[in-house]
N, C-alpha and C. Protein backbone atom coordinates (compact mmCIF):
# COMPACT_ATOMS: atom_id res chain seq x y z
N MET A 1 3.84 -35.24 -187.50
CA MET A 1 5.08 -35.74 -187.79
C MET A 1 5.51 -35.67 -185.92
N GLU A 2 6.51 -36.61 -185.71
CA GLU A 2 7.45 -36.64 -184.21
C GLU A 2 7.67 -35.68 -183.99
N THR A 3 7.98 -34.64 -182.86
CA THR A 3 9.34 -33.89 -182.43
C THR A 3 10.30 -34.49 -182.04
N PRO A 4 11.27 -34.46 -182.29
CA PRO A 4 12.35 -35.34 -181.80
C PRO A 4 12.55 -34.17 -180.50
N PRO A 5 13.16 -35.90 -179.59
CA PRO A 5 13.52 -35.30 -178.13
C PRO A 5 14.35 -33.85 -178.31
N VAL A 6 14.08 -33.09 -177.17
CA VAL A 6 15.28 -32.34 -176.68
C VAL A 6 16.78 -32.52 -176.05
N GLU A 7 17.40 -32.52 -176.29
CA GLU A 7 18.81 -32.49 -175.92
C GLU A 7 18.96 -31.67 -173.88
N SER A 8 19.24 -32.15 -173.37
CA SER A 8 19.30 -31.56 -171.93
C SER A 8 20.66 -31.15 -172.05
N THR A 9 21.26 -30.30 -171.18
CA THR A 9 21.92 -28.99 -171.13
C THR A 9 23.70 -30.22 -170.87
N ARG A 10 23.06 -31.31 -170.00
CA ARG A 10 23.96 -32.44 -169.66
C ARG A 10 24.16 -33.18 -171.19
N GLU A 11 23.48 -33.20 -171.48
CA GLU A 11 23.56 -34.22 -173.11
C GLU A 11 24.21 -33.60 -173.46
N ARG A 12 24.00 -31.85 -173.73
CA ARG A 12 24.76 -31.24 -174.86
C ARG A 12 26.15 -31.36 -174.48
N LEU A 13 26.52 -31.48 -173.44
CA LEU A 13 28.03 -30.89 -172.91
C LEU A 13 28.82 -32.41 -173.12
N LEU A 14 28.38 -33.60 -173.12
CA LEU A 14 28.69 -34.58 -172.92
C LEU A 14 28.80 -34.89 -174.47
N ASN A 15 27.93 -34.72 -175.53
CA ASN A 15 28.17 -34.76 -176.74
C ASN A 15 29.63 -33.97 -177.54
N ILE A 16 29.37 -32.41 -176.90
CA ILE A 16 29.97 -31.62 -177.71
C ILE A 16 31.53 -32.06 -177.22
N ALA A 17 31.65 -32.72 -175.96
CA ALA A 17 33.27 -32.92 -174.99
C ALA A 17 33.45 -33.88 -176.12
N GLU A 18 32.98 -35.11 -176.40
CA GLU A 18 33.11 -36.01 -177.39
C GLU A 18 33.90 -35.68 -178.47
N GLN A 19 33.00 -34.80 -179.35
CA GLN A 19 33.65 -34.19 -180.25
C GLN A 19 34.87 -33.19 -179.92
N ARG A 20 34.87 -32.80 -179.24
CA ARG A 20 36.17 -31.38 -179.15
C ARG A 20 37.52 -32.32 -178.23
N PHE A 21 37.33 -33.04 -177.39
CA PHE A 21 38.17 -34.04 -177.40
C PHE A 21 38.87 -34.72 -178.57
N GLY A 22 37.92 -35.66 -178.64
CA GLY A 22 38.03 -36.61 -179.68
C GLY A 22 39.28 -35.47 -180.61
N GLU A 23 38.25 -34.43 -180.95
CA GLU A 23 39.43 -33.32 -182.64
C GLU A 23 40.85 -33.28 -181.84
N GLY A 24 40.18 -32.38 -180.59
CA GLY A 24 41.89 -31.55 -180.18
C GLY A 24 42.26 -32.49 -178.64
N GLY A 25 42.02 -33.52 -178.72
CA GLY A 25 42.93 -34.35 -177.01
C GLY A 25 41.84 -33.67 -176.00
N TYR A 26 42.75 -33.60 -174.78
CA TYR A 26 42.29 -32.98 -173.91
C TYR A 26 42.63 -31.80 -173.14
N GLU A 27 44.25 -31.47 -173.82
CA GLU A 27 44.75 -30.30 -172.68
C GLU A 27 44.72 -29.61 -174.25
N GLY A 28 44.39 -29.99 -175.25
CA GLY A 28 44.40 -29.23 -176.36
C GLY A 28 42.67 -28.58 -176.69
N THR A 29 41.97 -28.86 -175.49
CA THR A 29 40.46 -28.69 -175.14
C THR A 29 40.25 -27.47 -174.44
N SER A 30 39.63 -26.55 -174.57
CA SER A 30 39.64 -25.68 -173.62
C SER A 30 38.01 -26.04 -173.29
N LEU A 31 37.99 -25.56 -171.89
CA LEU A 31 36.55 -25.97 -171.03
C LEU A 31 35.46 -24.67 -171.96
N ARG A 32 36.11 -23.54 -171.75
CA ARG A 32 35.07 -22.44 -172.47
C ARG A 32 34.70 -22.99 -173.95
N ALA A 33 35.65 -23.54 -175.07
CA ALA A 33 35.12 -23.89 -176.16
C ALA A 33 34.04 -24.75 -176.27
N ILE A 34 34.29 -26.24 -175.11
CA ILE A 34 33.14 -26.62 -175.12
C ILE A 34 31.18 -26.14 -175.05
N THR A 35 31.97 -25.35 -173.55
CA THR A 35 30.50 -24.83 -173.14
C THR A 35 29.90 -23.54 -173.93
N VAL A 36 30.79 -22.77 -175.09
CA VAL A 36 30.50 -21.57 -176.45
C VAL A 36 29.58 -22.82 -176.89
N ALA A 37 30.53 -24.05 -177.66
CA ALA A 37 29.61 -25.01 -178.39
C ALA A 37 28.29 -25.59 -178.07
N ALA A 38 28.22 -26.31 -176.70
CA ALA A 38 26.75 -26.38 -176.21
C ALA A 38 26.16 -25.68 -175.78
N ALA A 39 26.57 -24.65 -176.04
CA ALA A 39 25.36 -23.50 -175.40
C ALA A 39 24.89 -23.17 -173.87
N ALA A 40 26.21 -23.13 -172.98
CA ALA A 40 25.89 -23.29 -171.96
C ALA A 40 27.15 -22.89 -171.26
N ASN A 41 27.53 -23.06 -169.91
CA ASN A 41 28.44 -21.85 -169.37
C ASN A 41 29.35 -22.77 -168.03
N ILE A 42 30.57 -22.22 -167.54
CA ILE A 42 31.06 -23.15 -166.79
C ILE A 42 30.44 -23.45 -165.26
N ALA A 43 29.63 -22.80 -165.41
CA ALA A 43 28.24 -23.19 -163.95
C ALA A 43 27.82 -23.99 -164.54
N ALA A 44 27.35 -24.56 -165.33
CA ALA A 44 26.65 -25.62 -165.84
C ALA A 44 27.39 -27.03 -165.95
N VAL A 45 28.66 -26.52 -166.18
CA VAL A 45 29.83 -28.01 -166.39
C VAL A 45 30.17 -28.62 -164.56
N ASN A 46 30.43 -27.39 -163.52
CA ASN A 46 30.42 -27.23 -162.28
C ASN A 46 29.24 -28.27 -161.80
N TYR A 47 28.10 -27.37 -162.08
CA TYR A 47 26.45 -28.20 -161.98
C TYR A 47 26.52 -29.89 -161.99
N HIS A 48 26.63 -30.20 -163.42
CA HIS A 48 26.69 -31.49 -163.58
C HIS A 48 27.63 -32.21 -163.60
N PHE A 49 29.06 -31.76 -163.33
CA PHE A 49 29.96 -32.59 -163.62
C PHE A 49 31.05 -32.38 -162.71
N GLY A 50 31.16 -31.09 -162.08
CA GLY A 50 32.21 -30.40 -160.98
C GLY A 50 33.31 -29.81 -161.41
N SER A 51 33.95 -30.59 -163.13
CA SER A 51 35.27 -30.09 -163.31
C SER A 51 35.57 -30.45 -164.60
N LYS A 52 36.61 -30.14 -165.44
CA LYS A 52 36.82 -30.38 -166.41
C LYS A 52 37.15 -32.16 -166.72
N GLU A 53 38.06 -32.24 -165.89
CA GLU A 53 38.50 -33.89 -165.83
C GLU A 53 37.11 -34.41 -165.61
N ALA A 54 36.29 -34.25 -164.53
CA ALA A 54 34.94 -35.32 -164.26
C ALA A 54 34.29 -35.18 -165.54
N LEU A 55 34.06 -33.80 -166.60
CA LEU A 55 33.24 -34.17 -167.72
C LEU A 55 33.90 -35.18 -168.79
N LEU A 56 35.18 -35.05 -168.66
CA LEU A 56 35.77 -36.22 -169.48
C LEU A 56 35.83 -37.96 -169.25
N ARG A 57 35.55 -37.58 -168.03
CA ARG A 57 35.06 -39.07 -166.84
C ARG A 57 33.97 -39.51 -167.45
N ALA A 58 33.40 -38.63 -167.61
CA ALA A 58 31.56 -39.14 -167.85
C ALA A 58 31.84 -39.40 -169.10
N ALA A 59 32.75 -38.76 -170.13
CA ALA A 59 31.78 -38.68 -171.27
C ALA A 59 32.59 -40.43 -171.71
N VAL A 60 34.15 -40.54 -170.76
CA VAL A 60 34.55 -41.88 -171.13
C VAL A 60 33.57 -42.95 -170.99
N ALA A 61 33.16 -42.75 -169.75
CA ALA A 61 32.19 -43.60 -169.54
C ALA A 61 31.05 -43.80 -170.01
N ARG A 62 30.06 -42.79 -170.90
CA ARG A 62 28.99 -43.43 -171.71
C ARG A 62 29.51 -43.78 -172.84
N ALA A 63 30.46 -43.56 -173.31
CA ALA A 63 31.11 -43.97 -174.45
C ALA A 63 31.53 -45.43 -174.66
N MET A 64 31.75 -45.74 -172.96
CA MET A 64 32.55 -47.26 -172.93
C MET A 64 31.42 -48.21 -172.53
N ALA A 65 30.38 -48.11 -172.04
CA ALA A 65 29.30 -48.48 -171.70
C ALA A 65 28.65 -49.28 -171.84
N PRO A 66 28.36 -49.47 -173.46
CA PRO A 66 27.71 -50.37 -174.43
C PRO A 66 29.12 -50.98 -174.52
N VAL A 67 29.98 -50.49 -174.87
CA VAL A 67 31.10 -51.80 -175.49
C VAL A 67 31.69 -52.76 -174.18
N ASN A 68 31.85 -52.06 -173.39
CA ASN A 68 31.85 -52.88 -172.08
C ASN A 68 30.75 -54.33 -171.63
N THR A 69 29.76 -53.92 -171.75
CA THR A 69 28.66 -54.66 -171.62
C THR A 69 28.59 -55.50 -172.63
N GLU A 70 28.37 -55.43 -173.78
CA GLU A 70 28.63 -56.45 -174.78
C GLU A 70 29.99 -57.11 -174.90
N ARG A 71 30.98 -56.80 -174.38
CA ARG A 71 31.82 -57.42 -174.51
C ARG A 71 32.32 -58.48 -173.00
N ARG A 72 31.27 -57.65 -171.91
CA ARG A 72 31.06 -59.20 -171.00
C ARG A 72 30.21 -59.96 -171.06
N ARG A 73 29.08 -59.44 -171.62
CA ARG A 73 28.02 -60.75 -172.44
C ARG A 73 28.88 -61.84 -172.88
N ARG A 74 29.69 -61.19 -173.83
CA ARG A 74 30.18 -62.51 -175.00
C ARG A 74 31.17 -62.98 -174.07
N LEU A 75 31.93 -62.43 -173.14
CA LEU A 75 33.09 -63.15 -172.44
C LEU A 75 32.29 -64.69 -171.49
N ASP A 76 31.33 -64.19 -170.78
CA ASP A 76 30.30 -64.74 -169.79
C ASP A 76 30.00 -65.84 -170.61
N GLN A 77 29.28 -65.52 -171.84
CA GLN A 77 28.45 -66.76 -172.44
C GLN A 77 29.50 -67.62 -172.84
N MET A 78 30.73 -67.40 -173.41
CA MET A 78 31.99 -68.24 -174.26
C MET A 78 32.61 -69.23 -172.50
N GLU A 79 32.49 -68.18 -171.67
CA GLU A 79 33.38 -69.33 -170.70
C GLU A 79 32.19 -70.25 -169.87
N ALA A 80 31.07 -69.89 -170.14
CA ALA A 80 29.68 -70.75 -169.59
C ALA A 80 29.47 -71.98 -170.52
N THR A 81 30.59 -71.99 -171.80
CA THR A 81 30.18 -73.08 -172.55
C THR A 81 31.31 -73.78 -172.44
N GLY A 82 32.16 -73.50 -171.84
CA GLY A 82 33.59 -74.31 -172.08
C GLY A 82 35.23 -73.17 -172.08
N GLN A 83 35.86 -73.94 -172.66
CA GLN A 83 37.05 -72.78 -172.76
C GLN A 83 37.15 -72.35 -174.33
N PRO A 84 36.92 -71.13 -174.70
CA PRO A 84 37.08 -70.13 -175.60
C PRO A 84 38.39 -70.05 -176.63
N THR A 85 38.39 -70.35 -177.35
CA THR A 85 40.44 -70.02 -178.21
C THR A 85 40.60 -68.87 -178.18
N ALA A 86 41.59 -68.17 -178.55
CA ALA A 86 42.21 -67.79 -178.31
C ALA A 86 41.44 -66.53 -179.82
N GLU A 87 40.90 -66.96 -181.04
CA GLU A 87 40.33 -66.66 -181.94
C GLU A 87 38.85 -66.07 -181.42
N GLN A 88 38.40 -66.75 -180.92
CA GLN A 88 37.01 -66.66 -180.29
C GLN A 88 37.35 -65.54 -179.31
N LEU A 89 38.15 -65.14 -178.42
CA LEU A 89 38.45 -64.16 -177.33
C LEU A 89 38.75 -62.89 -178.43
N ILE A 90 39.26 -62.74 -179.10
CA ILE A 90 39.96 -61.91 -179.88
C ILE A 90 38.70 -61.40 -181.06
N ARG A 91 37.80 -62.19 -181.37
CA ARG A 91 36.90 -61.44 -182.25
C ARG A 91 35.75 -61.16 -180.96
N ALA A 92 35.64 -61.55 -179.86
CA ALA A 92 34.34 -60.90 -178.78
C ALA A 92 35.42 -59.57 -178.46
N PHE A 93 36.37 -59.51 -177.97
CA PHE A 93 37.08 -58.22 -177.78
C PHE A 93 36.80 -57.22 -179.10
N ILE A 94 37.18 -57.61 -180.25
CA ILE A 94 37.39 -56.76 -181.57
C ILE A 94 36.33 -55.64 -182.15
N GLU A 95 35.11 -57.00 -181.97
CA GLU A 95 33.55 -56.75 -183.08
C GLU A 95 32.91 -55.59 -181.77
N PRO A 96 32.89 -55.39 -180.65
CA PRO A 96 32.30 -54.43 -180.05
C PRO A 96 33.03 -52.85 -179.80
N GLY A 97 33.92 -53.33 -179.59
CA GLY A 97 34.63 -52.16 -180.51
C GLY A 97 34.68 -51.53 -182.02
N LEU A 98 34.31 -52.20 -182.63
CA LEU A 98 33.92 -51.56 -183.90
C LEU A 98 32.45 -51.32 -184.30
N ASP A 99 31.87 -52.46 -184.24
CA ASP A 99 30.75 -52.37 -184.75
C ASP A 99 29.54 -51.66 -183.92
N LEU A 100 29.54 -51.97 -182.77
CA LEU A 100 28.76 -51.25 -181.40
C LEU A 100 29.25 -49.91 -181.40
N VAL A 101 30.18 -49.18 -181.99
CA VAL A 101 30.48 -47.87 -181.88
C VAL A 101 29.97 -47.21 -183.60
N LEU A 102 30.93 -48.05 -184.27
CA LEU A 102 30.83 -47.24 -185.71
C LEU A 102 29.24 -47.21 -186.54
N ARG A 103 28.54 -48.44 -186.14
CA ARG A 103 27.43 -48.58 -186.66
C ARG A 103 26.72 -47.56 -186.27
N ARG A 104 26.47 -46.64 -185.19
CA ARG A 104 25.72 -45.05 -184.97
C ARG A 104 25.76 -44.50 -186.15
N GLY A 105 26.45 -44.54 -186.97
CA GLY A 105 26.73 -43.43 -188.59
C GLY A 105 27.34 -42.38 -187.54
N GLU A 106 27.34 -41.00 -188.07
CA GLU A 106 28.14 -40.15 -187.93
C GLU A 106 28.35 -39.99 -186.12
N ARG A 107 27.46 -40.36 -185.48
CA ARG A 107 27.72 -39.65 -184.17
C ARG A 107 28.95 -41.28 -183.98
N GLY A 108 28.46 -42.04 -184.02
CA GLY A 108 29.40 -43.29 -184.04
C GLY A 108 30.83 -42.80 -184.43
N ALA A 109 30.99 -42.14 -185.29
CA ALA A 109 32.53 -42.13 -185.95
C ALA A 109 33.26 -41.26 -184.80
N ILE A 110 32.37 -40.12 -184.12
CA ILE A 110 32.82 -38.92 -183.13
C ILE A 110 33.41 -39.63 -181.96
N VAL A 111 32.42 -41.12 -181.90
CA VAL A 111 32.75 -41.46 -180.16
C VAL A 111 33.97 -42.34 -180.50
N ALA A 112 33.91 -43.07 -181.65
CA ALA A 112 35.40 -43.71 -181.86
C ALA A 112 36.30 -43.01 -182.13
N ARG A 113 36.21 -41.75 -182.33
CA ARG A 113 37.49 -41.17 -182.54
C ARG A 113 37.66 -40.70 -180.85
N PHE A 114 36.98 -40.17 -180.25
CA PHE A 114 37.04 -39.88 -178.93
C PHE A 114 37.62 -40.96 -178.14
N ILE A 115 36.88 -42.17 -178.31
CA ILE A 115 37.98 -43.57 -177.42
C ILE A 115 39.28 -43.42 -178.10
N GLY A 116 39.17 -43.54 -179.04
CA GLY A 116 41.04 -43.63 -179.50
C GLY A 116 41.86 -42.58 -179.64
N ARG A 117 40.90 -41.21 -179.46
CA ARG A 117 42.05 -40.63 -179.23
C ARG A 117 42.57 -40.28 -177.22
N VAL A 118 41.72 -40.73 -176.90
CA VAL A 118 41.81 -40.83 -174.63
C VAL A 118 42.73 -41.79 -175.15
N ALA A 119 42.61 -43.10 -175.72
CA ALA A 119 43.19 -43.87 -175.37
C ALA A 119 44.83 -43.75 -175.97
N PHE A 120 45.36 -42.73 -176.74
CA PHE A 120 46.21 -42.65 -177.01
C PHE A 120 46.69 -40.97 -176.22
N ASP A 121 46.28 -40.55 -175.55
CA ASP A 121 46.38 -39.37 -175.26
C ASP A 121 48.21 -39.51 -174.54
N PRO A 122 48.69 -38.47 -174.76
CA PRO A 122 50.18 -38.32 -173.93
C PRO A 122 49.98 -38.43 -171.96
N SER A 123 48.80 -38.02 -171.58
CA SER A 123 48.90 -37.57 -170.20
C SER A 123 48.87 -38.68 -169.60
N ARG A 124 49.72 -39.56 -168.87
CA ARG A 124 49.67 -40.28 -168.01
C ARG A 124 48.51 -40.43 -166.98
N ARG A 125 47.84 -39.45 -167.00
CA ARG A 125 46.90 -38.97 -166.14
C ARG A 125 45.08 -39.73 -166.66
N ILE A 126 45.53 -39.00 -167.86
CA ILE A 126 44.10 -39.51 -168.77
C ILE A 126 44.03 -40.72 -168.78
N ARG A 127 45.09 -41.47 -169.42
CA ARG A 127 45.46 -42.43 -169.74
C ARG A 127 44.88 -43.67 -168.90
N GLU A 128 45.14 -43.38 -167.53
CA GLU A 128 44.93 -43.84 -166.63
C GLU A 128 43.13 -43.58 -166.22
N LEU A 129 42.37 -42.61 -166.47
CA LEU A 129 40.84 -42.59 -166.55
C LEU A 129 40.24 -43.47 -167.26
N TYR A 130 41.00 -43.10 -168.51
CA TYR A 130 40.50 -43.93 -169.83
C TYR A 130 40.81 -45.34 -169.03
N ALA A 131 42.04 -45.93 -168.77
CA ALA A 131 42.10 -47.33 -168.05
C ALA A 131 41.04 -47.91 -166.78
N ALA A 132 40.34 -46.91 -166.11
CA ALA A 132 39.72 -47.31 -164.89
C ALA A 132 38.42 -47.56 -165.66
N GLU A 133 37.72 -47.12 -166.76
CA GLU A 133 36.70 -47.25 -167.23
C GLU A 133 36.75 -49.22 -168.19
N ALA A 134 38.03 -49.37 -168.73
CA ALA A 134 37.88 -50.56 -169.41
C ALA A 134 38.87 -51.47 -168.76
N ASP A 135 39.91 -51.02 -167.85
CA ASP A 135 40.53 -52.39 -167.08
C ASP A 135 39.66 -53.50 -166.95
N PRO A 136 38.62 -53.25 -165.80
CA PRO A 136 37.57 -54.64 -165.32
C PRO A 136 37.76 -55.76 -166.21
N ILE A 137 37.03 -55.18 -167.38
CA ILE A 137 36.42 -56.04 -168.38
C ILE A 137 37.84 -56.60 -169.21
N GLU A 138 38.95 -55.92 -169.70
CA GLU A 138 39.60 -55.84 -170.17
C GLU A 138 40.78 -56.70 -169.45
N ALA A 139 41.19 -56.68 -168.51
CA ALA A 139 41.62 -57.79 -167.64
C ALA A 139 41.34 -59.02 -167.25
N ARG A 140 40.36 -59.11 -167.54
CA ARG A 140 39.25 -60.78 -167.53
C ARG A 140 39.85 -61.16 -169.24
N TYR A 141 39.91 -60.51 -169.90
CA TYR A 141 40.04 -60.96 -171.40
C TYR A 141 41.72 -61.39 -171.66
N LEU A 142 42.41 -60.16 -171.07
CA LEU A 142 43.87 -60.97 -171.00
C LEU A 142 44.36 -61.92 -170.50
N ALA A 143 43.11 -62.49 -169.11
CA ALA A 143 43.42 -63.62 -168.21
C ALA A 143 42.95 -64.72 -169.06
N ALA A 144 41.60 -64.37 -169.66
CA ALA A 144 41.41 -65.68 -170.66
C ALA A 144 42.48 -65.94 -171.67
N LEU A 145 43.11 -65.06 -172.43
CA LEU A 145 43.84 -65.10 -173.60
C LEU A 145 45.04 -66.02 -172.95
N GLN A 146 45.61 -65.45 -171.88
CA GLN A 146 46.70 -66.39 -171.46
C GLN A 146 46.37 -68.05 -170.86
N THR A 147 44.92 -68.07 -170.48
CA THR A 147 44.59 -69.36 -170.51
C THR A 147 44.38 -70.27 -171.88
N ALA A 148 43.88 -69.57 -173.05
CA ALA A 148 43.83 -69.90 -174.07
C ALA A 148 45.26 -70.47 -175.03
N LEU A 149 46.42 -69.66 -174.32
CA LEU A 149 47.33 -69.68 -175.20
C LEU A 149 48.54 -70.18 -174.25
N PRO A 150 48.22 -71.28 -173.50
CA PRO A 150 49.26 -71.88 -172.12
C PRO A 150 50.88 -72.11 -172.64
N ARG A 151 51.20 -72.44 -174.01
CA ARG A 151 52.75 -72.59 -174.22
C ARG A 151 53.38 -71.05 -174.58
N ALA A 152 52.17 -70.01 -174.26
CA ALA A 152 52.96 -68.68 -174.33
C ALA A 152 53.51 -68.15 -173.19
N ALA A 153 54.72 -67.52 -173.40
CA ALA A 153 55.17 -66.66 -171.80
C ALA A 153 53.76 -66.00 -171.58
N PRO A 154 53.23 -65.67 -170.26
CA PRO A 154 52.35 -64.63 -169.85
C PRO A 154 52.83 -63.50 -170.22
N GLU A 155 53.79 -63.26 -170.18
CA GLU A 155 54.36 -61.64 -170.53
C GLU A 155 54.33 -61.49 -172.12
N SER A 156 54.93 -62.70 -172.89
CA SER A 156 54.42 -62.70 -174.01
C SER A 156 52.70 -62.36 -174.59
N VAL A 157 51.96 -62.90 -174.32
CA VAL A 157 50.28 -62.38 -174.40
C VAL A 157 50.00 -61.33 -174.04
N ALA A 158 50.73 -60.65 -172.60
CA ALA A 158 50.79 -59.11 -172.40
C ALA A 158 50.73 -58.50 -173.64
N PHE A 159 52.12 -58.70 -174.11
CA PHE A 159 52.71 -57.97 -174.90
C PHE A 159 51.68 -57.93 -176.30
N GLY A 160 50.84 -59.29 -176.58
CA GLY A 160 50.28 -59.16 -177.48
C GLY A 160 49.23 -58.06 -177.68
N TYR A 161 48.89 -58.30 -176.31
CA TYR A 161 47.51 -57.99 -176.02
C TYR A 161 47.46 -56.10 -175.81
N VAL A 162 48.09 -56.00 -175.90
CA VAL A 162 48.59 -54.70 -175.43
C VAL A 162 48.94 -54.20 -176.97
N ASN A 163 49.03 -54.72 -177.64
CA ASN A 163 49.37 -54.09 -179.30
C ASN A 163 47.90 -54.08 -179.77
N MET A 164 47.16 -55.21 -179.36
CA MET A 164 45.77 -55.43 -179.68
C MET A 164 45.21 -54.02 -179.13
N LEU A 165 45.02 -53.86 -178.11
CA LEU A 165 44.58 -52.51 -177.79
C LEU A 165 45.08 -51.14 -178.25
N GLY A 166 46.32 -51.62 -178.72
CA GLY A 166 46.81 -50.18 -179.33
C GLY A 166 46.18 -50.07 -181.00
N LEU A 167 46.03 -51.06 -182.04
CA LEU A 167 45.71 -51.09 -182.95
C LEU A 167 43.96 -50.79 -183.07
N LEU A 168 43.41 -51.11 -182.52
CA LEU A 168 42.15 -51.08 -181.81
C LEU A 168 41.95 -49.58 -181.73
N ALA A 169 42.23 -48.80 -181.03
CA ALA A 169 42.53 -47.22 -180.37
C ALA A 169 43.07 -47.16 -181.59
N LEU A 170 43.62 -47.25 -182.54
CA LEU A 170 44.27 -46.67 -183.59
C LEU A 170 43.46 -46.48 -185.18
N HIS A 171 42.53 -47.56 -184.97
CA HIS A 171 41.68 -47.44 -185.95
C HIS A 171 40.08 -46.62 -185.42
N GLN A 172 39.75 -46.65 -184.70
CA GLN A 172 38.96 -45.79 -184.02
C GLN A 172 39.25 -44.20 -183.75
N SER A 173 40.61 -43.95 -183.32
CA SER A 173 40.58 -42.44 -183.36
C SER A 173 41.00 -41.61 -185.12
N GLN A 174 40.39 -42.67 -185.86
CA GLN A 174 41.04 -42.40 -187.18
C GLN A 174 39.54 -42.15 -188.10
N ALA A 175 38.54 -42.91 -187.44
CA ALA A 175 37.28 -43.22 -187.64
C ALA A 175 36.22 -41.98 -188.28
N LEU A 176 36.78 -40.18 -188.14
CA LEU A 176 36.28 -39.56 -188.61
C LEU A 176 37.25 -38.89 -189.83
N SER A 177 38.80 -39.81 -190.32
CA SER A 177 39.70 -39.33 -191.27
C SER A 177 39.93 -40.76 -192.54
N ARG A 178 40.09 -39.98 -193.38
CA ARG A 178 40.93 -41.40 -194.02
C ARG A 178 42.04 -41.35 -194.90
N ALA A 179 42.90 -41.73 -193.58
CA ALA A 179 44.10 -42.17 -193.85
C ALA A 179 44.02 -43.45 -194.77
N PRO A 180 45.40 -43.34 -195.35
CA PRO A 180 45.36 -44.48 -196.14
C PRO A 180 45.39 -45.96 -195.17
N GLY A 181 44.60 -46.96 -196.11
CA GLY A 181 44.26 -47.90 -195.40
C GLY A 181 43.46 -48.30 -194.35
N THR A 182 42.89 -46.89 -194.54
CA THR A 182 41.40 -46.67 -193.07
C THR A 182 40.20 -46.91 -194.26
N GLU A 183 39.95 -46.90 -195.00
CA GLU A 183 38.81 -47.00 -195.96
C GLU A 183 37.52 -47.62 -195.48
N ASP A 184 38.10 -48.69 -195.29
CA ASP A 184 36.99 -49.65 -194.53
C ASP A 184 36.43 -49.38 -192.91
N VAL A 185 36.40 -48.28 -192.96
CA VAL A 185 35.83 -47.60 -191.66
C VAL A 185 34.15 -47.31 -192.06
N ASP A 186 34.18 -47.31 -193.25
CA ASP A 186 32.65 -47.05 -193.77
C ASP A 186 32.23 -48.30 -193.38
N ASP A 187 32.58 -49.40 -193.52
CA ASP A 187 31.89 -50.96 -193.30
C ASP A 187 32.44 -51.97 -192.20
N PRO A 188 31.99 -51.24 -190.73
CA PRO A 188 32.48 -52.11 -189.11
C PRO A 188 32.92 -53.54 -189.49
N SER A 189 31.85 -54.79 -190.42
CA SER A 189 31.94 -55.77 -190.43
C SER A 189 33.28 -56.03 -191.40
N LYS A 190 33.67 -55.42 -192.25
CA LYS A 190 34.94 -55.58 -192.79
C LYS A 190 36.49 -55.30 -192.01
N LEU A 191 35.85 -54.24 -191.73
CA LEU A 191 37.02 -53.91 -190.86
C LEU A 191 37.58 -54.57 -189.89
N ALA A 192 36.26 -55.03 -188.97
CA ALA A 192 36.70 -56.20 -187.60
C ALA A 192 37.18 -57.30 -188.14
N GLU A 193 36.69 -57.66 -189.49
CA GLU A 193 37.18 -59.17 -190.13
C GLU A 193 38.27 -58.88 -190.17
N ASN A 194 38.93 -58.11 -191.38
CA ASN A 194 40.61 -58.20 -191.19
C ASN A 194 41.02 -57.69 -190.31
N LEU A 195 41.06 -57.05 -189.08
CA LEU A 195 41.54 -56.79 -188.25
C LEU A 195 41.66 -58.19 -187.42
N ILE A 196 40.33 -58.75 -186.79
CA ILE A 196 40.55 -59.81 -186.45
C ILE A 196 41.87 -60.73 -187.05
N ALA A 197 41.80 -60.95 -188.54
CA ALA A 197 42.35 -61.86 -189.03
C ALA A 197 44.14 -61.55 -188.78
N PHE A 198 44.28 -60.04 -188.93
CA PHE A 198 45.51 -59.57 -188.20
C PHE A 198 46.23 -60.41 -187.29
N LEU A 199 45.12 -59.82 -186.06
CA LEU A 199 45.48 -60.54 -184.62
C LEU A 199 45.55 -62.17 -184.49
N VAL A 200 44.72 -62.67 -184.80
CA VAL A 200 44.80 -64.12 -185.19
C VAL A 200 46.13 -64.29 -185.51
N ALA A 201 46.54 -64.15 -186.61
CA ALA A 201 47.47 -64.78 -187.03
C ALA A 201 49.11 -63.71 -186.48
N ALA A 202 49.03 -62.80 -186.18
CA ALA A 202 49.93 -62.33 -184.81
C ALA A 202 50.16 -62.97 -183.77
N PHE A 203 49.03 -62.75 -183.35
CA PHE A 203 49.14 -64.12 -181.84
C PHE A 203 49.63 -65.68 -182.11
N ASP A 204 49.14 -66.20 -183.40
CA ASP A 204 49.84 -67.50 -183.43
C ASP A 204 50.95 -67.77 -183.72
N ARG A 205 51.63 -66.63 -184.94
CA ARG A 205 53.06 -67.22 -184.97
C ARG A 205 54.11 -66.13 -184.51
N GLY A 206 53.53 -65.02 -183.84
CA GLY A 206 54.33 -64.27 -182.73
C GLY A 206 54.22 -64.49 -181.50
N LEU A 207 53.38 -65.52 -180.51
CA LEU A 207 53.78 -66.06 -179.67
C LEU A 207 54.19 -67.56 -179.31
N ARG A 208 54.36 -67.91 -180.73
CA ARG A 208 54.68 -69.75 -180.47
C ARG A 208 55.85 -69.83 -179.89
N SER A 209 55.72 -71.23 -178.91
CA SER A 209 57.17 -71.28 -178.30
C SER A 209 58.18 -71.50 -178.92
């Protein structure tokens, strides 16, 4: 029987940080609680990351990396073959945010809740930290949506886009709960299809000139 790989101290800190920040938020989670759960100490955090905020930044970067990579790949592919439609762009944006995260099983649900919680954090500084990881590719999607919806005012498309981000983050933040209407979280594909259909209709009807 193959022995499972042993987690490094850095990996344990990141894993526990995702879980605890996702449950209690940044301000509601002490560094001590993370280090105790990770069987580490403050010195280990300082050595690997430098600070609590830097630990959060590293956790966000790790969580968002596969999502950003897949979103970028899909957008590059679509733009290389023509002008993508709004529906294609919405699908290419939503699916990685749900499928790549939630299909990791329980671990994925922890990551999803962590991403959603950080995106909704009341602290402007924490939201800016999250945005620094997400903005480069998200800015490209916003620009592509504005091109795909030429009859809609740019500010209207931006409004719809911000609401798309909020709905996605909402479903991610509820990934470990069973709030009414979120039962489909156990089936990422079904949840993605429902959310995509809702957003396509919202953009189509809400942004008509």
